[in-house]
Amino acid sequence: MAYQKGAGKSVVIALGGNALGNTPQEQLALVKKTATSIVDMIDEGINVVVTHGNGPQVGMINKAFDEAHAVTPGVPEMPFPECGAMSQGYIGYQLSQAILTELKRRGIMRSTATVITQTVVYPDDPAFEHPTKPIGSFLTEEEARQLALETGWVYLEDAGRGWRRVVASPRPQRIVEFDAVKDLMDDGYIVIAAGGGGVPVIARDDSYVGVPAVVDKDRSSAKLAADLKADMLIILTAVEKVAIAFNTPNQQNLNFMSVEDAHRYINEGQFAAGSMLPKVQACLEYLDAHPSGEALITSLEQAAAGLRGETGTRVAVRRTWPDPPILSDPQ
């Protein structure tokens, strides 16, 4: 099956970094399943841009360099932005390889392109005043305090497991390689971009400077999807549907949320800050910038079925698909 330029809907799919495993070997096995779900969508004529998290992967790279630098003369200290770029490269390589294999197996005449992506952030973003994202190795309190004195970095105690360096999570403002991603998508490539939210950079004197920070990958995905005017943003997570009263006897799985519903649930505290809340917020940011789009939150295994309207939680300004509805609205 050959690609016809201009045909089919466009979708940005945001994969969670934890869904890709904690080691290169584990990831290599998991991306085969990921590729099957992605190619299911491509097989239905969808133009796909894949974004992904990189939390376990960039942490592994950062830790390896930190520990090697500490014990082996001549091993350089690796800046955190470079660790982020490395993670984009190897995750993109494995995703691309798995997708190409699945495309070939089905006789689909498409190719992939992995774009190492930079994301512009503002230097005065309030997040830089309150870094919260843990990275790197666990340390004792004494080690953390000594390194803080030597480097000026911020270290915090992490859930009783030790002390870790923390960095800011600023808001994404612009995808530097946006034009390349759009041109490649328009030409029929399955594009892998904005890995880990993109390497955060500050625009300075007609150039870009990497900063040690982590951009939330769902927010970067929302920004990319809105700028592409993608028909849908799909955020893949560990659950099939968004729920309110989660993990209680009154839990209700949601089939549809209007923007108004979503804001109400957020105000009620229905979504956990470190879990579902940022995903719902990313959907709202996408819809605020691109009101005619639709967002979907579901699991990787149900992605193609969710795209067909059979499952998952749809988020939209208002329902845009015809009656009978996929599932009933919340009352």
C-alpha atoms as a PDB file:
ATOM      1  CA  MET A   1       0.000   0.000   0.000  1.00  0.00           C
ATOM      2  CA  ALA A   2       1.548   3.324  -1.096  1.00  0.00           C
ATOM      3  CA  TYR A   3       1.056   6.669   0.591  1.00  0.00           C
ATOM      4  CA  GLN A   4      -1.126   9.254  -1.126  1.00  0.00           C
ATOM      5  CA  LYS A   5      -0.032  12.766  -0.210  1.00  0.00           C
ATOM      6  CA  GLY A   6      -2.774  14.819   1.409  1.00  0.00           C
ATOM      7  CA  ALA A   7      -4.895  11.782   2.255  1.00  0.00           C
ATOM      8  CA  GLY A   8      -5.894  10.639   5.725  1.00  0.00           C
ATOM      9  CA  LYS A   9      -6.174  12.255   9.121  1.00  0.00           C
ATOM     10  CA  SER A  10      -3.145  13.389  11.083  1.00  0.00           C
ATOM     11  CA  VAL A  11      -2.543  12.199  14.636  1.00  0.00           C
ATOM     12  CA  VAL A  12       0.123  12.943  17.240  1.00  0.00           C
ATOM     13  CA  ILE A  13       0.657   9.948  19.529  1.00  0.00           C
ATOM     14  CA  ALA A  14       2.366  10.557  22.880  1.00  0.00           C
ATOM     15  CA  LEU A  15       3.990   7.434  24.331  1.00  0.00           C
ATOM     16  CA  GLY A  16       5.004   7.250  27.983  1.00  0.00           C
ATOM     17  CA  GLY A  17       8.710   6.667  28.668  1.00  0.00           C
ATOM     18  CA  ASN A  18       7.915   4.016  31.267  1.00  0.00           C
ATOM     19  CA  ALA A  19       6.031   2.044  28.616  1.00  0.00           C
ATOM     20  CA  LEU A  20       9.340   1.637  26.789  1.00  0.00           C
ATOM     21  CA  GLY A  21      11.160  -0.153  29.598  1.00  0.00           C
ATOM     22  CA  ASN A  22      14.118   0.618  31.835  1.00  0.00           C
ATOM     23  CA  THR A  23      16.994  -0.858  29.811  1.00  0.00           C
ATOM     24  CA  PRO A  24      17.845  -0.955  26.081  1.00  0.00           C
ATOM     25  CA  GLN A  25      17.232  -4.705  26.065  1.00  0.00           C
ATOM     26  CA  GLU A  26      13.825  -4.447  27.742  1.00  0.00           C
ATOM     27  CA  GLN A  27      12.892  -1.565  25.456  1.00  0.00           C
ATOM     28  CA  LEU A  28      13.854  -3.504  22.330  1.00  0.00           C
ATOM     29  CA  ALA A  29      11.268  -6.150  23.250  1.00  0.00           C
ATOM     30  CA  LEU A  30       8.554  -3.655  24.233  1.00  0.00           C
ATOM     31  CA  VAL A  31       8.821  -1.465  21.121  1.00  0.00           C
ATOM     32  CA  LYS A  32       7.710  -4.394  18.967  1.00  0.00           C
ATOM     33  CA  LYS A  33       4.308  -4.302  20.674  1.00  0.00           C
ATOM     34  CA  THR A  34       4.316  -0.502  20.469  1.00  0.00           C
ATOM     35  CA  ALA A  35       5.050  -0.651  16.751  1.00  0.00           C
ATOM     36  CA  THR A  36       2.132  -3.017  16.155  1.00  0.00           C
ATOM     37  CA  SER A  37      -0.306  -0.551  17.737  1.00  0.00           C
ATOM     38  CA  ILE A  38       1.146   2.388  15.795  1.00  0.00           C
ATOM     39  CA  VAL A  39       1.060   0.530  12.472  1.00  0.00           C
ATOM     40  CA  ASP A  40      -2.548  -0.507  13.162  1.00  0.00           C
ATOM     41  CA  MET A  41      -3.361   3.203  12.846  1.00  0.00           C
ATOM     42  CA  ILE A  42      -1.139   3.722   9.820  1.00  0.00           C
ATOM     43  CA  ASP A  43      -2.844   0.726   8.198  1.00  0.00           C
ATOM     44  CA  GLU A  44      -6.135   2.640   8.474  1.00  0.00           C
ATOM     45  CA  GLY A  45      -4.705   5.585   6.511  1.00  0.00           C
ATOM     46  CA  ILE A  46      -3.647   7.789   9.443  1.00  0.00           C
ATOM     47  CA  ASN A  47      -0.636  10.107   9.197  1.00  0.00           C
ATOM     48  CA  VAL A  48       1.257   9.608  12.446  1.00  0.00           C
ATOM     49  CA  VAL A  49       3.755  11.672  14.420  1.00  0.00           C
ATOM     50  CA  VAL A  50       5.085   9.770  17.442  1.00  0.00           C
ATOM     51  CA  THR A  51       6.355  11.524  20.550  1.00  0.00           C
ATOM     52  CA  HIS A  52       7.652   9.749  23.627  1.00  0.00           C
ATOM     53  CA  GLY A  53       8.793  10.135  27.196  1.00  0.00           C
ATOM     54  CA  ASN A  54      12.355   9.402  28.248  1.00  0.00           C
ATOM     55  CA  GLY A  55      12.334   9.423  32.051  1.00  0.00           C
ATOM     56  CA  PRO A  56      13.909   6.011  32.702  1.00  0.00           C
ATOM     57  CA  GLN A  57      16.216   6.294  29.689  1.00  0.00           C
ATOM     58  CA  VAL A  58      17.672   9.756  30.302  1.00  0.00           C
ATOM     59  CA  GLY A  59      18.060   8.861  33.982  1.00  0.00           C
ATOM     60  CA  MET A  60      20.040   5.757  33.040  1.00  0.00           C
ATOM     61  CA  ILE A  61      22.324   7.735  30.713  1.00  0.00           C
ATOM     62  CA  ASN A  62      22.825  10.520  33.241  1.00  0.00           C
ATOM     63  CA  LYS A  63      23.587   8.050  36.035  1.00  0.00           C
ATOM     64  CA  ALA A  64      26.066   6.103  33.906  1.00  0.00           C
ATOM     65  CA  PHE A  65      28.062   9.222  33.077  1.00  0.00           C
ATOM     66  CA  ASP A  66      27.882  10.532  36.647  1.00  0.00           C
ATOM     67  CA  GLU A  67      29.215   7.307  38.104  1.00  0.00           C
ATOM     68  CA  ALA A  68      31.861   6.802  35.415  1.00  0.00           C
ATOM     69  CA  HIS A  69      33.037  10.409  35.803  1.00  0.00           C
ATOM     70  CA  ALA A  70      33.337   9.932  39.565  1.00  0.00           C
ATOM     71  CA  VAL A  71      35.534   6.818  39.424  1.00  0.00           C
ATOM     72  CA  THR A  72      37.325   6.810  36.053  1.00  0.00           C
ATOM     73  CA  PRO A  73      39.919   9.458  35.121  1.00  0.00           C
ATOM     74  CA  GLY A  74      39.301  10.975  31.717  1.00  0.00           C
ATOM     75  CA  VAL A  75      35.559  10.207  31.528  1.00  0.00           C
ATOM     76  CA  PRO A  76      33.904  13.586  30.941  1.00  0.00           C
ATOM     77  CA  GLU A  77      30.998  14.956  32.919  1.00  0.00           C
ATOM     78  CA  MET A  78      28.037  14.884  30.531  1.00  0.00           C
ATOM     79  CA  PRO A  79      25.682  17.906  30.570  1.00  0.00           C
ATOM     80  CA  PHE A  80      22.044  16.989  31.096  1.00  0.00           C
ATOM     81  CA  PRO A  81      20.796  18.451  27.754  1.00  0.00           C
ATOM     82  CA  GLU A  82      23.238  16.170  25.930  1.00  0.00           C
ATOM     83  CA  CYS A  83      21.914  13.199  27.916  1.00  0.00           C
ATOM     84  CA  GLY A  84      18.427  14.126  26.706  1.00  0.00           C
ATOM     85  CA  ALA A  85      19.593  14.233  23.097  1.00  0.00           C
ATOM     86  CA  MET A  86      21.256  10.824  23.488  1.00  0.00           C
ATOM     87  CA  SER A  87      18.023   9.351  24.816  1.00  0.00           C
ATOM     88  CA  GLN A  88      16.094  10.736  21.839  1.00  0.00           C
ATOM     89  CA  GLY A  89      18.592   9.101  19.488  1.00  0.00           C
ATOM     90  CA  TYR A  90      18.508   5.604  20.877  1.00  0.00           C
ATOM     91  CA  ILE A  91      14.761   5.527  21.587  1.00  0.00           C
ATOM     92  CA  GLY A  92      14.111   6.881  18.087  1.00  0.00           C
ATOM     93  CA  TYR A  93      16.416   4.267  16.580  1.00  0.00           C
ATOM     94  CA  GLN A  94      14.619   1.381  18.272  1.00  0.00           C
ATOM     95  CA  LEU A  95      11.121   2.747  17.583  1.00  0.00           C
ATOM     96  CA  SER A  96      12.006   3.411  13.949  1.00  0.00           C
ATOM     97  CA  GLN A  97      13.452  -0.058  13.499  1.00  0.00           C
ATOM     98  CA  ALA A  98      10.386  -1.748  15.001  1.00  0.00           C
ATOM     99  CA  ILE A  99       7.918   0.366  12.986  1.00  0.00           C
ATOM    100  CA  LEU A 100       9.791  -0.265   9.729  1.00  0.00           C
ATOM    101  CA  THR A 101       9.773  -4.006  10.380  1.00  0.00           C
ATOM    102  CA  GLU A 102       6.024  -4.008  11.003  1.00  0.00           C
ATOM    103  CA  LEU A 103       5.353  -1.815   7.946  1.00  0.00           C
ATOM    104  CA  LYS A 104       7.336  -4.196   5.757  1.00  0.00           C
ATOM    105  CA  ARG A 105       5.532  -7.224   7.204  1.00  0.00           C
ATOM    106  CA  ARG A 106       2.187  -5.696   6.156  1.00  0.00           C
ATOM    107  CA  GLY A 107       3.379  -4.485   2.767  1.00  0.00           C
ATOM    108  CA  ILE A 108       2.890  -0.798   3.618  1.00  0.00           C
ATOM    109  CA  MET A 109       5.158   1.440   1.531  1.00  0.00           C
ATOM    110  CA  ARG A 110       6.062   4.043   4.145  1.00  0.00           C
ATOM    111  CA  SER A 111       9.253   5.060   5.922  1.00  0.00           C
ATOM    112  CA  THR A 112      10.241   6.671   9.218  1.00  0.00           C
ATOM    113  CA  ALA A 113      12.253   9.722  10.238  1.00  0.00           C
ATOM    114  CA  THR A 114      13.570  10.446  13.720  1.00  0.00           C
ATOM    115  CA  VAL A 115      14.103  14.140  14.452  1.00  0.00           C
ATOM    116  CA  ILE A 116      16.278  15.122  17.419  1.00  0.00           C
ATOM    117  CA  THR A 117      14.111  17.905  18.764  1.00  0.00           C
ATOM    118  CA  GLN A 118      14.788  21.072  20.732  1.00  0.00           C
ATOM    119  CA  THR A 119      12.049  22.873  22.643  1.00  0.00           C
ATOM    120  CA  VAL A 120      12.325  26.580  23.363  1.00  0.00           C
ATOM    121  CA  VAL A 121      11.569  27.587  26.950  1.00  0.00           C
ATOM    122  CA  TYR A 122      11.645  31.036  28.531  1.00  0.00           C
ATOM    123  CA  PRO A 123      14.500  31.821  30.939  1.00  0.00           C
ATOM    124  CA  ASP A 124      12.105  33.664  33.250  1.00  0.00           C
ATOM    125  CA  ASP A 125       9.703  30.715  33.494  1.00  0.00           C
ATOM    126  CA  PRO A 126       8.699  30.440  37.187  1.00  0.00           C
ATOM    127  CA  ALA A 127       9.588  26.734  37.105  1.00  0.00           C
ATOM    128  CA  PHE A 128      13.282  27.644  37.212  1.00  0.00           C
ATOM    129  CA  GLU A 129      12.730  29.131  40.667  1.00  0.00           C
ATOM    130  CA  HIS A 130      11.248  25.867  41.980  1.00  0.00           C
ATOM    131  CA  PRO A 131      12.930  22.822  40.397  1.00  0.00           C
ATOM    132  CA  THR A 132      11.013  19.622  41.138  1.00  0.00           C
ATOM    133  CA  LYS A 133      11.969  16.949  38.564  1.00  0.00           C
ATOM    134  CA  PRO A 134      14.413  14.387  40.035  1.00  0.00           C
ATOM    135  CA  ILE A 135      17.228  13.145  37.784  1.00  0.00           C
ATOM    136  CA  GLY A 136      20.393  11.125  38.176  1.00  0.00           C
ATOM    137  CA  SER A 137      21.767   8.938  40.934  1.00  0.00           C
ATOM    138  CA  PHE A 138      20.610   8.559  44.517  1.00  0.00           C
ATOM    139  CA  LEU A 139      23.044  10.101  47.010  1.00  0.00           C
ATOM    140  CA  THR A 140      23.464  10.353  50.734  1.00  0.00           C
ATOM    141  CA  GLU A 141      22.542  13.677  52.313  1.00  0.00           C
ATOM    142  CA  GLU A 142      26.221  14.422  52.903  1.00  0.00           C
ATOM    143  CA  GLU A 143      27.114  13.732  49.263  1.00  0.00           C
ATOM    144  CA  ALA A 144      24.193  15.848  48.037  1.00  0.00           C
ATOM    145  CA  ARG A 145      25.100  18.814  50.222  1.00  0.00           C
ATOM    146  CA  GLN A 146      28.738  18.679  49.103  1.00  0.00           C
ATOM    147  CA  LEU A 147      27.796  18.568  45.422  1.00  0.00           C
ATOM    148  CA  ALA A 148      25.310  21.407  45.911  1.00  0.00           C
ATOM    149  CA  LEU A 149      28.151  23.538  47.304  1.00  0.00           C
ATOM    150  CA  GLU A 150      30.477  22.591  44.440  1.00  0.00           C
ATOM    151  CA  THR A 151      28.024  22.926  41.549  1.00  0.00           C
ATOM    152  CA  GLY A 152      25.170  25.174  42.663  1.00  0.00           C
ATOM    153  CA  TRP A 153      22.719  22.464  41.662  1.00  0.00           C
ATOM    154  CA  VAL A 154      19.629  21.757  43.762  1.00  0.00           C
ATOM    155  CA  TYR A 155      19.232  18.429  45.565  1.00  0.00           C
ATOM    156  CA  LEU A 156      16.150  17.148  47.394  1.00  0.00           C
ATOM    157  CA  GLU A 157      15.292  14.037  49.342  1.00  0.00           C
ATOM    158  CA  ASP A 158      13.289  11.627  47.149  1.00  0.00           C
ATOM    159  CA  ALA A 159      10.596   9.576  48.933  1.00  0.00           C
ATOM    160  CA  GLY A 160      12.927   8.109  51.547  1.00  0.00           C
ATOM    161  CA  ARG A 161      15.186   6.571  48.895  1.00  0.00           C
ATOM    162  CA  GLY A 162      18.016   9.102  49.083  1.00  0.00           C
ATOM    163  CA  TRP A 163      18.865  12.528  47.713  1.00  0.00           C
ATOM    164  CA  ARG A 164      18.745  13.395  44.017  1.00  0.00           C
ATOM    165  CA  ARG A 165      19.404  16.384  41.857  1.00  0.00           C
ATOM    166  CA  VAL A 166      16.220  18.168  40.754  1.00  0.00           C
ATOM    167  CA  VAL A 167      15.710  20.352  37.698  1.00  0.00           C
ATOM    168  CA  ALA A 168      12.954  22.659  36.473  1.00  0.00           C
ATOM    169  CA  SER A 169      10.027  21.674  34.251  1.00  0.00           C
ATOM    170  CA  PRO A 170       9.342  24.859  32.224  1.00  0.00           C
ATOM    171  CA  ARG A 171       6.460  25.326  29.801  1.00  0.00           C
ATOM    172  CA  PRO A 172       7.199  24.538  26.116  1.00  0.00           C
ATOM    173  CA  GLN A 173       6.998  27.640  23.924  1.00  0.00           C
ATOM    174  CA  ARG A 174       8.140  26.486  20.491  1.00  0.00           C
ATOM    175  CA  ILE A 175       9.445  23.359  18.763  1.00  0.00           C
ATOM    176  CA  VAL A 176      12.642  24.427  16.973  1.00  0.00           C
ATOM    177  CA  GLU A 177      12.427  21.678  14.346  1.00  0.00           C
ATOM    178  CA  PHE A 178       8.696  22.152  13.722  1.00  0.00           C
ATOM    179  CA  ASP A 179       9.076  22.925   9.995  1.00  0.00           C
ATOM    180  CA  ALA A 180      11.110  19.755   9.451  1.00  0.00           C
ATOM    181  CA  VAL A 181       8.547  17.635  11.308  1.00  0.00           C
ATOM    182  CA  LYS A 182       5.667  19.118   9.293  1.00  0.00           C
ATOM    183  CA  ASP A 183       7.419  18.717   5.934  1.00  0.00           C
ATOM    184  CA  LEU A 184       8.282  15.104   6.705  1.00  0.00           C
ATOM    185  CA  MET A 185       4.736  14.322   7.861  1.00  0.00           C
ATOM    186  CA  ASP A 186       3.267  15.981   4.766  1.00  0.00           C
ATOM    187  CA  ASP A 187       5.549  13.834   2.614  1.00  0.00           C
ATOM    188  CA  GLY A 188       4.267  10.641   4.204  1.00  0.00           C
ATOM    189  CA  TYR A 189       6.970   9.816   6.743  1.00  0.00           C
ATOM    190  CA  ILE A 190       6.104   8.403  10.146  1.00  0.00           C
ATOM    191  CA  VAL A 191       7.930  11.005  12.227  1.00  0.00           C
ATOM    192  CA  ILE A 192       9.389  10.388  15.686  1.00  0.00           C
ATOM    193  CA  ALA A 193       9.956  13.732  17.399  1.00  0.00           C
ATOM    194  CA  ALA A 194       9.863  15.713  20.667  1.00  0.00           C
ATOM    195  CA  GLY A 195      11.371  12.811  22.596  1.00  0.00           C
ATOM    196  CA  GLY A 196      11.266  13.477  26.321  1.00  0.00           C
ATOM    197  CA  GLY A 197       9.456  16.729  25.563  1.00  0.00           C
ATOM    198  CA  GLY A 198      12.422  17.874  23.478  1.00  0.00           C
ATOM    199  CA  VAL A 199      15.786  19.103  24.745  1.00  0.00           C
ATOM    200  CA  PRO A 200      14.948  22.385  26.514  1.00  0.00           C
ATOM    201  CA  VAL A 201      16.811  25.345  25.043  1.00  0.00           C
ATOM    202  CA  ILE A 202      16.804  29.102  25.539  1.00  0.00           C
ATOM    203  CA  ALA A 203      16.956  31.380  22.487  1.00  0.00           C
ATOM    204  CA  ARG A 204      19.908  33.732  22.930  1.00  0.00           C
ATOM    205  CA  ASP A 205      21.677  36.015  20.422  1.00  0.00           C
ATOM    206  CA  ASP A 206      20.297  34.249  17.345  1.00  0.00           C
ATOM    207  CA  SER A 207      21.294  30.835  18.716  1.00  0.00           C
ATOM    208  CA  TYR A 208      20.061  28.233  21.167  1.00  0.00           C
ATOM    209  CA  VAL A 209      21.579  27.213  24.489  1.00  0.00           C
ATOM    210  CA  GLY A 210      20.619  23.941  26.178  1.00  0.00           C
ATOM    211  CA  VAL A 211      19.502  24.153  29.797  1.00  0.00           C
ATOM    212  CA  PRO A 212      19.321  21.405  32.457  1.00  0.00           C
ATOM    213  CA  ALA A 213      15.561  20.979  32.665  1.00  0.00           C
ATOM    214  CA  VAL A 214      12.795  18.541  31.711  1.00  0.00           C
ATOM    215  CA  VAL A 215       9.876  19.624  29.537  1.00  0.00           C
ATOM    216  CA  ASP A 216       6.741  17.585  30.155  1.00  0.00           C
ATOM    217  CA  LYS A 217       6.370  15.370  27.086  1.00  0.00           C
ATOM    218  CA  ASP A 218       2.568  15.561  27.071  1.00  0.00           C
ATOM    219  CA  ARG A 219       2.669  19.369  27.015  1.00  0.00           C
ATOM    220  CA  SER A 220       5.243  19.341  24.206  1.00  0.00           C
ATOM    221  CA  SER A 221       3.086  16.824  22.353  1.00  0.00           C
ATOM    222  CA  ALA A 222       0.072  19.111  22.791  1.00  0.00           C
ATOM    223  CA  LYS A 223       2.063  22.054  21.458  1.00  0.00           C
ATOM    224  CA  LEU A 224       3.283  20.059  18.470  1.00  0.00           C
ATOM    225  CA  ALA A 225      -0.200  18.691  17.717  1.00  0.00           C
ATOM    226  CA  ALA A 226      -1.761  22.154  17.898  1.00  0.00           C
ATOM    227  CA  ASP A 227       0.898  23.706  15.657  1.00  0.00           C
ATOM    228  CA  LEU A 228       0.493  20.876  13.146  1.00  0.00           C
ATOM    229  CA  LYS A 229      -3.287  21.350  13.339  1.00  0.00           C
ATOM    230  CA  ALA A 230      -3.440  17.593  13.831  1.00  0.00           C
ATOM    231  CA  ASP A 231      -6.919  16.087  13.806  1.00  0.00           C
ATOM    232  CA  MET A 232      -6.247  14.314  17.082  1.00  0.00           C
ATOM    233  CA  LEU A 233      -3.828  14.178  19.994  1.00  0.00           C
ATOM    234  CA  ILE A 234      -3.610  10.694  21.517  1.00  0.00           C
ATOM    235  CA  ILE A 235      -1.999  10.361  24.934  1.00  0.00           C
ATOM    236  CA  LEU A 236      -1.221   6.759  25.778  1.00  0.00           C
ATOM    237  CA  THR A 237      -1.000   5.724  29.391  1.00  0.00           C
ATOM    238  CA  ALA A 238      -1.395   2.677  31.631  1.00  0.00           C
ATOM    239  CA  VAL A 239      -5.213   2.750  31.755  1.00  0.00           C
ATOM    240  CA  GLU A 240      -7.893   2.383  29.101  1.00  0.00           C
ATOM    241  CA  LYS A 241     -10.009   5.320  30.294  1.00  0.00           C
ATOM    242  CA  VAL A 242      -9.795   8.361  32.520  1.00  0.00           C
ATOM    243  CA  ALA A 243     -11.672   7.932  35.795  1.00  0.00           C
ATOM    244  CA  ILE A 244     -13.112  10.164  38.473  1.00  0.00           C
ATOM    245  CA  ALA A 245     -13.276   8.981  42.104  1.00  0.00           C
ATOM    246  CA  PHE A 246     -10.356   6.809  41.016  1.00  0.00           C
ATOM    247  CA  ASN A 247      -9.611   3.704  43.076  1.00  0.00           C
ATOM    248  CA  THR A 248     -12.717   4.118  45.237  1.00  0.00           C
ATOM    249  CA  PRO A 249     -16.020   2.201  45.284  1.00  0.00           C
ATOM    250  CA  ASN A 250     -17.537   5.136  43.362  1.00  0.00           C
ATOM    251  CA  GLN A 251     -15.012   5.081  40.532  1.00  0.00           C
ATOM    252  CA  GLN A 252     -16.527   6.150  37.200  1.00  0.00           C
ATOM    253  CA  ASN A 253     -14.704   5.562  33.947  1.00  0.00           C
ATOM    254  CA  LEU A 254     -15.295   8.414  31.526  1.00  0.00           C
ATOM    255  CA  ASN A 255     -16.076   7.923  27.875  1.00  0.00           C
ATOM    256  CA  PHE A 256     -16.207  11.611  27.006  1.00  0.00           C
ATOM    257  CA  MET A 257     -15.143  14.869  28.638  1.00  0.00           C
ATOM    258  CA  SER A 258     -15.979  18.276  27.312  1.00  0.00           C
ATOM    259  CA  VAL A 259     -13.468  21.023  28.041  1.00  0.00           C
ATOM    260  CA  GLU A 260     -15.925  22.325  30.624  1.00  0.00           C
ATOM    261  CA  ASP A 261     -16.152  18.891  32.266  1.00  0.00           C
ATOM    262  CA  ALA A 262     -12.375  18.600  32.403  1.00  0.00           C
ATOM    263  CA  HIS A 263     -11.943  21.965  34.104  1.00  0.00           C
ATOM    264  CA  ARG A 264     -14.596  21.036  36.646  1.00  0.00           C
ATOM    265  CA  TYR A 265     -12.949  17.716  37.458  1.00  0.00           C
ATOM    266  CA  ILE A 266      -9.572  19.432  37.837  1.00  0.00           C
ATOM    267  CA  ASN A 267     -11.070  21.961  40.266  1.00  0.00           C
ATOM    268  CA  GLU A 268     -12.576  19.076  42.238  1.00  0.00           C
ATOM    269  CA  GLY A 269      -9.136  17.472  42.545  1.00  0.00           C
ATOM    270  CA  GLN A 270     -10.174  14.354  40.635  1.00  0.00           C
ATOM    271  CA  PHE A 271      -6.820  13.823  38.902  1.00  0.00           C
ATOM    272  CA  ALA A 272      -3.499  13.072  40.630  1.00  0.00           C
ATOM    273  CA  ALA A 273      -0.775  15.672  40.054  1.00  0.00           C
ATOM    274  CA  GLY A 274       1.890  13.140  39.153  1.00  0.00           C
ATOM    275  CA  SER A 275      -0.343  10.933  37.048  1.00  0.00           C
ATOM    276  CA  MET A 276      -3.517  11.855  35.130  1.00  0.00           C
ATOM    277  CA  LEU A 277      -3.605  15.612  35.805  1.00  0.00           C
ATOM    278  CA  PRO A 278      -0.800  16.614  33.391  1.00  0.00           C
ATOM    279  CA  LYS A 279      -2.317  14.447  30.670  1.00  0.00           C
ATOM    280  CA  VAL A 280      -5.725  16.098  30.971  1.00  0.00           C
ATOM    281  CA  GLN A 281      -4.077  19.533  31.123  1.00  0.00           C
ATOM    282  CA  ALA A 282      -2.139  18.746  27.941  1.00  0.00           C
ATOM    283  CA  CYS A 283      -5.403  17.846  26.178  1.00  0.00           C
ATOM    284  CA  LEU A 284      -6.884  21.177  27.268  1.00  0.00           C
ATOM    285  CA  GLU A 285      -3.856  23.107  26.009  1.00  0.00           C
ATOM    286  CA  TYR A 286      -4.123  21.372  22.632  1.00  0.00           C
ATOM    287  CA  LEU A 287      -7.867  22.091  22.362  1.00  0.00           C
ATOM    288  CA  ASP A 288      -7.425  25.690  23.496  1.00  0.00           C
ATOM    289  CA  ALA A 289      -5.028  26.281  20.600  1.00  0.00           C
ATOM    290  CA  HIS A 290      -6.871  24.016  18.125  1.00  0.00           C
ATOM    291  CA  PRO A 291     -10.585  23.922  19.107  1.00  0.00           C
ATOM    292  CA  SER A 292     -11.656  21.826  16.126  1.00  0.00           C
ATOM    293  CA  GLY A 293      -9.409  18.952  17.179  1.00  0.00           C
ATOM    294  CA  GLU A 294     -10.112  16.023  19.479  1.00  0.00           C
ATOM    295  CA  ALA A 295      -7.962  14.435  22.149  1.00  0.00           C
ATOM    296  CA  LEU A 296      -7.964  10.833  23.299  1.00  0.00           C
ATOM    297  CA  ILE A 297      -6.519   9.282  26.442  1.00  0.00           C
ATOM    298  CA  THR A 298      -6.257   5.499  26.450  1.00  0.00           C
ATOM    299  CA  SER A 299      -3.813   2.603  26.743  1.00  0.00           C
ATOM    300  CA  LEU A 300      -1.315   1.570  24.110  1.00  0.00           C
ATOM    301  CA  GLU A 301      -3.144  -1.702  23.503  1.00  0.00           C
ATOM    302  CA  GLN A 302      -6.422   0.138  22.819  1.00  0.00           C
ATOM    303  CA  ALA A 303      -5.013   2.963  20.683  1.00  0.00           C
ATOM    304  CA  ALA A 304      -6.387   1.819  17.337  1.00  0.00           C
ATOM    305  CA  ALA A 305      -9.762   0.906  18.861  1.00  0.00           C
ATOM    306  CA  GLY A 306      -9.854   4.294  20.602  1.00  0.00           C
ATOM    307  CA  LEU A 307      -9.200   6.033  17.316  1.00  0.00           C
ATOM    308  CA  ARG A 308     -12.210   4.217  15.866  1.00  0.00           C
ATOM    309  CA  GLY A 309     -14.307   5.494  18.783  1.00  0.00           C
ATOM    310  CA  GLU A 310     -14.706   2.113  20.447  1.00  0.00           C
ATOM    311  CA  THR A 311     -12.975   2.875  23.761  1.00  0.00           C
ATOM    312  CA  GLY A 312     -10.802   5.361  25.635  1.00  0.00           C
ATOM    313  CA  THR A 313     -11.759   8.807  26.895  1.00  0.00           C
ATOM    314  CA  ARG A 314     -12.395  11.442  24.245  1.00  0.00           C
ATOM    315  CA  VAL A 315     -11.843  15.089  25.118  1.00  0.00           C
ATOM    316  CA  ALA A 316     -13.276  17.826  22.915  1.00  0.00           C
ATOM    317  CA  VAL A 317     -14.747  21.305  23.057  1.00  0.00           C
ATOM    318  CA  ARG A 318     -18.015  19.563  22.277  1.00  0.00           C
ATOM    319  CA  ARG A 319     -19.004  16.249  20.760  1.00  0.00           C
ATOM    320  CA  THR A 320     -18.123  16.256  17.062  1.00  0.00           C
ATOM    321  CA  TRP A 321     -18.924  12.708  16.025  1.00  0.00           C
ATOM    322  CA  PRO A 322     -22.399  11.721  14.797  1.00  0.00           C
ATOM    323  CA  ASP A 323     -25.143  10.069  16.799  1.00  0.00           C
ATOM    324  CA  PRO A 324     -25.522   7.463  18.095  1.00  0.00           C
ATOM    325  CA  PRO A 325     -22.776   8.557  20.461  1.00  0.00           C
ATOM    326  CA  ILE A 326     -19.793   6.330  21.020  1.00  0.00           C
ATOM    327  CA  LEU A 327     -20.711   6.194  24.695  1.00  0.00           C
ATOM    328  CA  SER A 328     -22.874   8.343  26.872  1.00  0.00           C
ATOM    329  CA  ASP A 329     -21.766  11.737  28.161  1.00  0.00           C
ATOM    330  CA  PRO A 330     -21.257  12.144  31.908  1.00  0.00           C
ATOM    331  CA  GLN A 331     -24.489  13.391  33.449  1.00  0.00           C
END
